[in-house]
C-alpha atoms as a PDB file:
ATOM      1  CA  MET A   1     132.625  98.186  92.253  1.00  0.00           C
ATOM      2  CA  ALA A   2     129.138  99.410  92.945  1.00  0.00           C
ATOM      3  CA  ILE A   3     127.282 101.007  90.090  1.00  0.00           C
ATOM      4  CA  ARG A   4     124.683 103.586  91.014  1.00  0.00           C
ATOM      5  CA  ARG A   5     121.682 103.460  88.785  1.00  0.00           C
ATOM      6  CA  ILE A   6     120.175 106.837  88.025  1.00  0.00           C
ATOM      7  CA  ALA A   7     116.963 105.973  86.266  1.00  0.00           C
ATOM      8  CA  SER A   8     113.251 106.223  86.650  1.00  0.00           C
ATOM      9  CA  ALA A   9     111.378 102.988  87.019  1.00  0.00           C
ATOM     10  CA  ALA A  10     107.635 102.787  86.693  1.00  0.00           C
ATOM     11  CA  LEU A  11     105.048 100.073  86.933  1.00  0.00           C
ATOM     12  CA  ALA A  12     101.437 100.629  86.067  1.00  0.00           C
ATOM     13  CA  PHE A  13      98.884  97.924  86.523  1.00  0.00           C
ATOM     14  CA  THR A  14      95.148  97.787  86.395  1.00  0.00           C
ATOM     15  CA  ALA A  15      92.989  96.696  89.327  1.00  0.00           C
ATOM     16  CA  GLY A  16      89.452  96.800  88.037  1.00  0.00           C
ATOM     17  CA  SER A  17      89.202 100.202  86.370  1.00  0.00           C
ATOM     18  CA  ALA A  18      91.810 101.945  88.537  1.00  0.00           C
ATOM     19  CA  VAL A  19      95.356 102.357  87.281  1.00  0.00           C
ATOM     20  CA  VAL A  20      98.111 102.390  89.891  1.00  0.00           C
ATOM     21  CA  CYS A  21     101.565 103.777  89.112  1.00  0.00           C
ATOM     22  CA  LEU A  22     104.542 103.089  91.331  1.00  0.00           C
ATOM     23  CA  THR A  23     107.601 105.208  90.589  1.00  0.00           C
ATOM     24  CA  THR A  24     111.019 106.082  91.912  1.00  0.00           C
ATOM     25  CA  ALA A  25     112.550 109.447  91.128  1.00  0.00           C
ATOM     26  CA  ALA A  26     115.704 109.741  89.037  1.00  0.00           C
ATOM     27  CA  GLY A  27     118.723 110.193  91.272  1.00  0.00           C
ATOM     28  CA  ALA A  28     116.948 108.872  94.367  1.00  0.00           C
ATOM     29  CA  SER A  29     118.956 106.774  96.789  1.00  0.00           C
ATOM     30  CA  PRO A  30     118.875 103.102  95.872  1.00  0.00           C
ATOM     31  CA  THR A  31     116.240 101.239  97.815  1.00  0.00           C
ATOM     32  CA  PRO A  32     115.571  97.513  97.893  1.00  0.00           C
ATOM     33  CA  THR A  33     113.307  96.354  95.089  1.00  0.00           C
ATOM     34  CA  PRO A  34     110.302  94.301  96.168  1.00  0.00           C
ATOM     35  CA  GLN A  35     109.845  90.860  94.681  1.00  0.00           C
ATOM     36  CA  TYR A  36     106.124  91.526  94.209  1.00  0.00           C
ATOM     37  CA  ILE A  37     103.713  94.412  94.572  1.00  0.00           C
ATOM     38  CA  VAL A  38     100.094  93.712  95.527  1.00  0.00           C
ATOM     39  CA  GLN A  39      97.283  96.216  94.922  1.00  0.00           C
ATOM     40  CA  PHE A  40      93.934  95.318  96.494  1.00  0.00           C
ATOM     41  CA  SER A  41      90.478  96.496  97.503  1.00  0.00           C
ATOM     42  CA  ALA A  42      88.588  94.512 100.145  1.00  0.00           C
ATOM     43  CA  VAL A  43      85.362  94.511 102.071  1.00  0.00           C
ATOM     44  CA  ALA A  44      84.838  93.427 105.660  1.00  0.00           C
ATOM     45  CA  SER A  45      82.459  90.487 105.870  1.00  0.00           C
ATOM     46  CA  ALA A  46      82.247  89.620 109.583  1.00  0.00           C
ATOM     47  CA  VAL A  47      83.732  90.083 113.035  1.00  0.00           C
ATOM     48  CA  SER A  48      85.541  87.143 114.638  1.00  0.00           C
ATOM     49  CA  THR A  49      87.470  86.681 117.874  1.00  0.00           C
ATOM     50  CA  ASN A  50      90.623  87.518 115.841  1.00  0.00           C
ATOM     51  CA  GLY A  51      89.218  90.794 114.480  1.00  0.00           C
ATOM     52  CA  LEU A  52      87.446  92.108 111.417  1.00  0.00           C
ATOM     53  CA  VAL A  53      87.406  89.495 108.624  1.00  0.00           C
ATOM     54  CA  PHE A  54      88.040  90.840 105.112  1.00  0.00           C
ATOM     55  CA  HIS A  55      88.266  89.468 101.576  1.00  0.00           C
ATOM     56  CA  SER A  56      89.350  91.194  98.405  1.00  0.00           C
ATOM     57  CA  THR A  57      86.917  92.407  95.779  1.00  0.00           C
ATOM     58  CA  SER A  58      89.830  93.182  93.441  1.00  0.00           C
ATOM     59  CA  CYS A  59      93.462  92.144  93.738  1.00  0.00           C
ATOM     60  CA  VAL A  60      96.476  92.083  91.413  1.00  0.00           C
ATOM     61  CA  ILE A  61     100.067  91.002  92.004  1.00  0.00           C
ATOM     62  CA  GLY A  62     103.168  91.436  89.897  1.00  0.00           C
ATOM     63  CA  PRO A  63     106.889  92.081  89.961  1.00  0.00           C
ATOM     64  CA  PRO A  64     107.817  95.791  89.919  1.00  0.00           C
ATOM     65  CA  THR A  65     110.397  95.371  87.134  1.00  0.00           C
ATOM     66  CA  ASN A  66     108.172  93.526  84.671  1.00  0.00           C
ATOM     67  CA  PRO A  67     104.678  94.442  83.498  1.00  0.00           C
ATOM     68  CA  ILE A  68     103.319  90.956  84.241  1.00  0.00           C
ATOM     69  CA  VAL A  69     100.278  91.310  86.487  1.00  0.00           C
ATOM     70  CA  VAL A  70      97.935  88.520  87.531  1.00  0.00           C
ATOM     71  CA  GLN A  71      94.763  88.458  89.560  1.00  0.00           C
ATOM     72  CA  CYS A  72      94.966  87.349  93.170  1.00  0.00           C
ATOM     73  CA  GLN A  73      92.772  86.902  96.223  1.00  0.00           C
ATOM     74  CA  GLU A  74      93.581  88.518  99.573  1.00  0.00           C
ATOM     75  CA  THR A  75      91.894  87.468 102.795  1.00  0.00           C
ATOM     76  CA  GLY A  76      92.614  88.097 106.444  1.00  0.00           C
ATOM     77  CA  THR A  77      91.669  89.603 109.760  1.00  0.00           C
ATOM     78  CA  VAL A  78      92.549  92.971 111.246  1.00  0.00           C
ATOM     79  CA  ARG A  79      92.084  94.622 114.647  1.00  0.00           C
ATOM     80  CA  PHE A  80      92.120  98.400 114.721  1.00  0.00           C
ATOM     81  CA  THR A  81      93.221 100.473 117.731  1.00  0.00           C
ATOM     82  CA  ALA A  82      93.557 104.212 118.299  1.00  0.00           C
ATOM     83  CA  SER A  83      97.248 104.084 117.315  1.00  0.00           C
ATOM     84  CA  GLY A  84      97.077 101.370 114.631  1.00  0.00           C
ATOM     85  CA  GLY A  85      96.322  97.692 115.034  1.00  0.00           C
ATOM     86  CA  SER A  86      97.440  94.242 113.968  1.00  0.00           C
ATOM     87  CA  GLY A  87      96.333  91.302 111.872  1.00  0.00           C
ATOM     88  CA  ARG A  88      97.053  88.449 109.481  1.00  0.00           C
ATOM     89  CA  ALA A  89      96.662  88.221 105.723  1.00  0.00           C
ATOM     90  CA  THR A  90      97.025  85.739 102.881  1.00  0.00           C
ATOM     91  CA  VAL A  91      97.489  86.496  99.185  1.00  0.00           C
ATOM     92  CA  SER A  92      96.840  83.601  96.810  1.00  0.00           C
ATOM     93  CA  SER A  93      97.794  83.835  93.130  1.00  0.00           C
ATOM     94  CA  PRO A  94      99.247  81.781  90.262  1.00  0.00           C
ATOM     95  CA  LEU A  95     102.629  83.458  91.003  1.00  0.00           C
ATOM     96  CA  SER A  96     102.833  82.794  94.719  1.00  0.00           C
ATOM     97  CA  ASP A  97     101.012  82.279  98.016  1.00  0.00           C
ATOM     98  CA  ILE A  98     102.041  84.687 100.784  1.00  0.00           C
ATOM     99  CA  ASN A  99     101.003  84.497 104.465  1.00  0.00           C
ATOM    100  CA  TRP A 100     102.027  87.084 107.056  1.00  0.00           C
ATOM    101  CA  LYS A 101     101.299  88.734 110.409  1.00  0.00           C
ATOM    102  CA  PHE A 102     101.427  92.519 110.527  1.00  0.00           C
ATOM    103  CA  THR A 103     101.177  95.596 112.701  1.00  0.00           C
ATOM    104  CA  LEU A 104      99.515  98.838 111.697  1.00  0.00           C
ATOM    105  CA  HIS A 105     100.538 102.372 112.648  1.00  0.00           C
ATOM    106  CA  ARG A 106      98.806 105.649 111.898  1.00  0.00           C
ATOM    107  CA  SER A 107      99.954 109.221 112.318  1.00  0.00           C
ATOM    108  CA  SER A 108      96.837 110.454 114.155  1.00  0.00           C
ATOM    109  CA  VAL A 109      93.578 109.181 115.619  1.00  0.00           C
ATOM    110  CA  SER A 110      91.630 110.920 112.839  1.00  0.00           C
ATOM    111  CA  SER A 111      93.696 109.380 110.012  1.00  0.00           C
ATOM    112  CA  THR A 112      92.140 106.603 107.923  1.00  0.00           C
ATOM    113  CA  THR A 113      95.488 105.546 106.427  1.00  0.00           C
ATOM    114  CA  TYR A 114      97.685 103.014 108.205  1.00  0.00           C
ATOM    115  CA  GLN A 115     101.317 102.047 107.596  1.00  0.00           C
ATOM    116  CA  MET A 116     101.667  98.270 107.652  1.00  0.00           C
ATOM    117  CA  VAL A 117     104.742  96.131 108.308  1.00  0.00           C
ATOM    118  CA  GLY A 118     104.933  92.391 108.835  1.00  0.00           C
ATOM    119  CA  LYS A 119     106.784  89.134 108.290  1.00  0.00           C
ATOM    120  CA  GLY A 120     105.674  85.806 106.961  1.00  0.00           C
ATOM    121  CA  THR A 121     106.310  83.211 104.284  1.00  0.00           C
ATOM    122  CA  GLU A 122     105.975  82.795 100.551  1.00  0.00           C
ATOM    123  CA  THR A 123     105.402  79.477  98.788  1.00  0.00           C
ATOM    124  CA  SER A 124     105.312  78.804  95.076  1.00  0.00           C
ATOM    125  CA  GLY A 125     105.576  75.973  92.603  1.00  0.00           C
ATOM    126  CA  ALA A 126     104.328  72.416  92.359  1.00  0.00           C
ATOM    127  CA  SER A 127     106.817  71.280  95.009  1.00  0.00           C
ATOM    128  CA  PRO A 128     106.424  74.251  97.336  1.00  0.00           C
ATOM    129  CA  ILE A 129     109.529  75.899  98.680  1.00  0.00           C
ATOM    130  CA  VAL A 130     108.877  78.084 101.736  1.00  0.00           C
ATOM    131  CA  ARG A 131     110.789  81.366 101.864  1.00  0.00           C
ATOM    132  CA  PRO A 132     110.658  84.119 104.527  1.00  0.00           C
ATOM    133  CA  VAL A 133     109.356  87.538 103.425  1.00  0.00           C
ATOM    134  CA  LYS A 134     108.829  91.028 104.782  1.00  0.00           C
ATOM    135  CA  VAL A 135     105.646  92.869 103.795  1.00  0.00           C
ATOM    136  CA  THR A 136     105.264  96.654 103.961  1.00  0.00           C
ATOM    137  CA  GLY A 137     102.623  99.013 102.646  1.00  0.00           C
ATOM    138  CA  THR A 138      99.678 101.268 103.298  1.00  0.00           C
ATOM    139  CA  ILE A 139      96.053 100.454 104.015  1.00  0.00           C
ATOM    140  CA  THR A 140      93.260 103.023 103.817  1.00  0.00           C
ATOM    141  CA  VAL A 141      89.949 102.284 105.531  1.00  0.00           C
ATOM    142  CA  SER A 142      86.592 103.706 104.467  1.00  0.00           C
ATOM    143  CA  PRO A 143      84.026 103.140 107.243  1.00  0.00           C
ATOM    144  CA  THR A 144      81.016 103.119 104.926  1.00  0.00           C
ATOM    145  CA  PRO A 145      79.382 101.264 103.272  1.00  0.00           C
ATOM    146  CA  GLY A 146      81.483  98.268 104.446  1.00  0.00           C
ATOM    147  CA  PRO A 147      83.943  99.042 105.933  1.00  0.00           C
ATOM    148  CA  THR A 148      86.191  98.725 102.911  1.00  0.00           C
ATOM    149  CA  LEU A 149      89.980  98.567 102.751  1.00  0.00           C
ATOM    150  CA  GLN A 150      92.318  99.554  99.942  1.00  0.00           C
ATOM    151  CA  GLY A 151      96.014  98.959  99.968  1.00  0.00           C
ATOM    152  CA  THR A 152      99.358  98.484  98.337  1.00  0.00           C
ATOM    153  CA  GLU A 153     101.787  95.919  99.731  1.00  0.00           C
ATOM    154  CA  ASP A 154     105.439  95.413  98.829  1.00  0.00           C
ATOM    155  CA  ILE A 155     106.764  91.872  99.299  1.00  0.00           C
ATOM    156  CA  PHE A 156     110.515  91.573  99.978  1.00  0.00           C
ATOM    157  CA  PRO A 157     112.403  88.268 100.209  1.00  0.00           C
ATOM    158  CA  LEU A 158     114.430  87.797 103.401  1.00  0.00           C
ATOM    159  CA  SER A 159     117.509  85.692 103.888  1.00  0.00           C
ATOM    160  CA  THR A 160     116.830  82.603 105.954  1.00  0.00           C
ATOM    161  CA  SER A 161     118.945  84.082 108.767  1.00  0.00           C
ATOM    162  CA  ALA A 162     116.677  87.214 108.874  1.00  0.00           C
ATOM    163  CA  SER A 163     113.445  85.328 109.437  1.00  0.00           C
END
């Protein structure tokens, strides 16, 4: 028998001096809970044949149901197009290492916010076990002085048949 949870859940974590709150409204339809949430700010450092290279200047990762938050490092490359773009990213932390490819979509050519979705793998532990994951989130780009990127990424485990 399924039990519908009607509760508010909130996670607040600090990335530098900014506090980020992630909430779900009471009575909202149940949605899958991410395994981890990543909050990052990054700066572009170079252009390569794969796109714009970025590395985080601040990054935290933690589970949404527990206030444990640890620092992380996010690096990657991204190519922007008029409708979105694509890229690769890696998050490294004491909790987990996550690698994924993603696509970006934006609602208009003038928008600086992109919706991101991708798939990849997570590894953790001394004897690494590789698990498939789905990564979703938003990335906002500020063209000056960097460009800089800021984003929130939800990491969802996938069954091995869904990879």
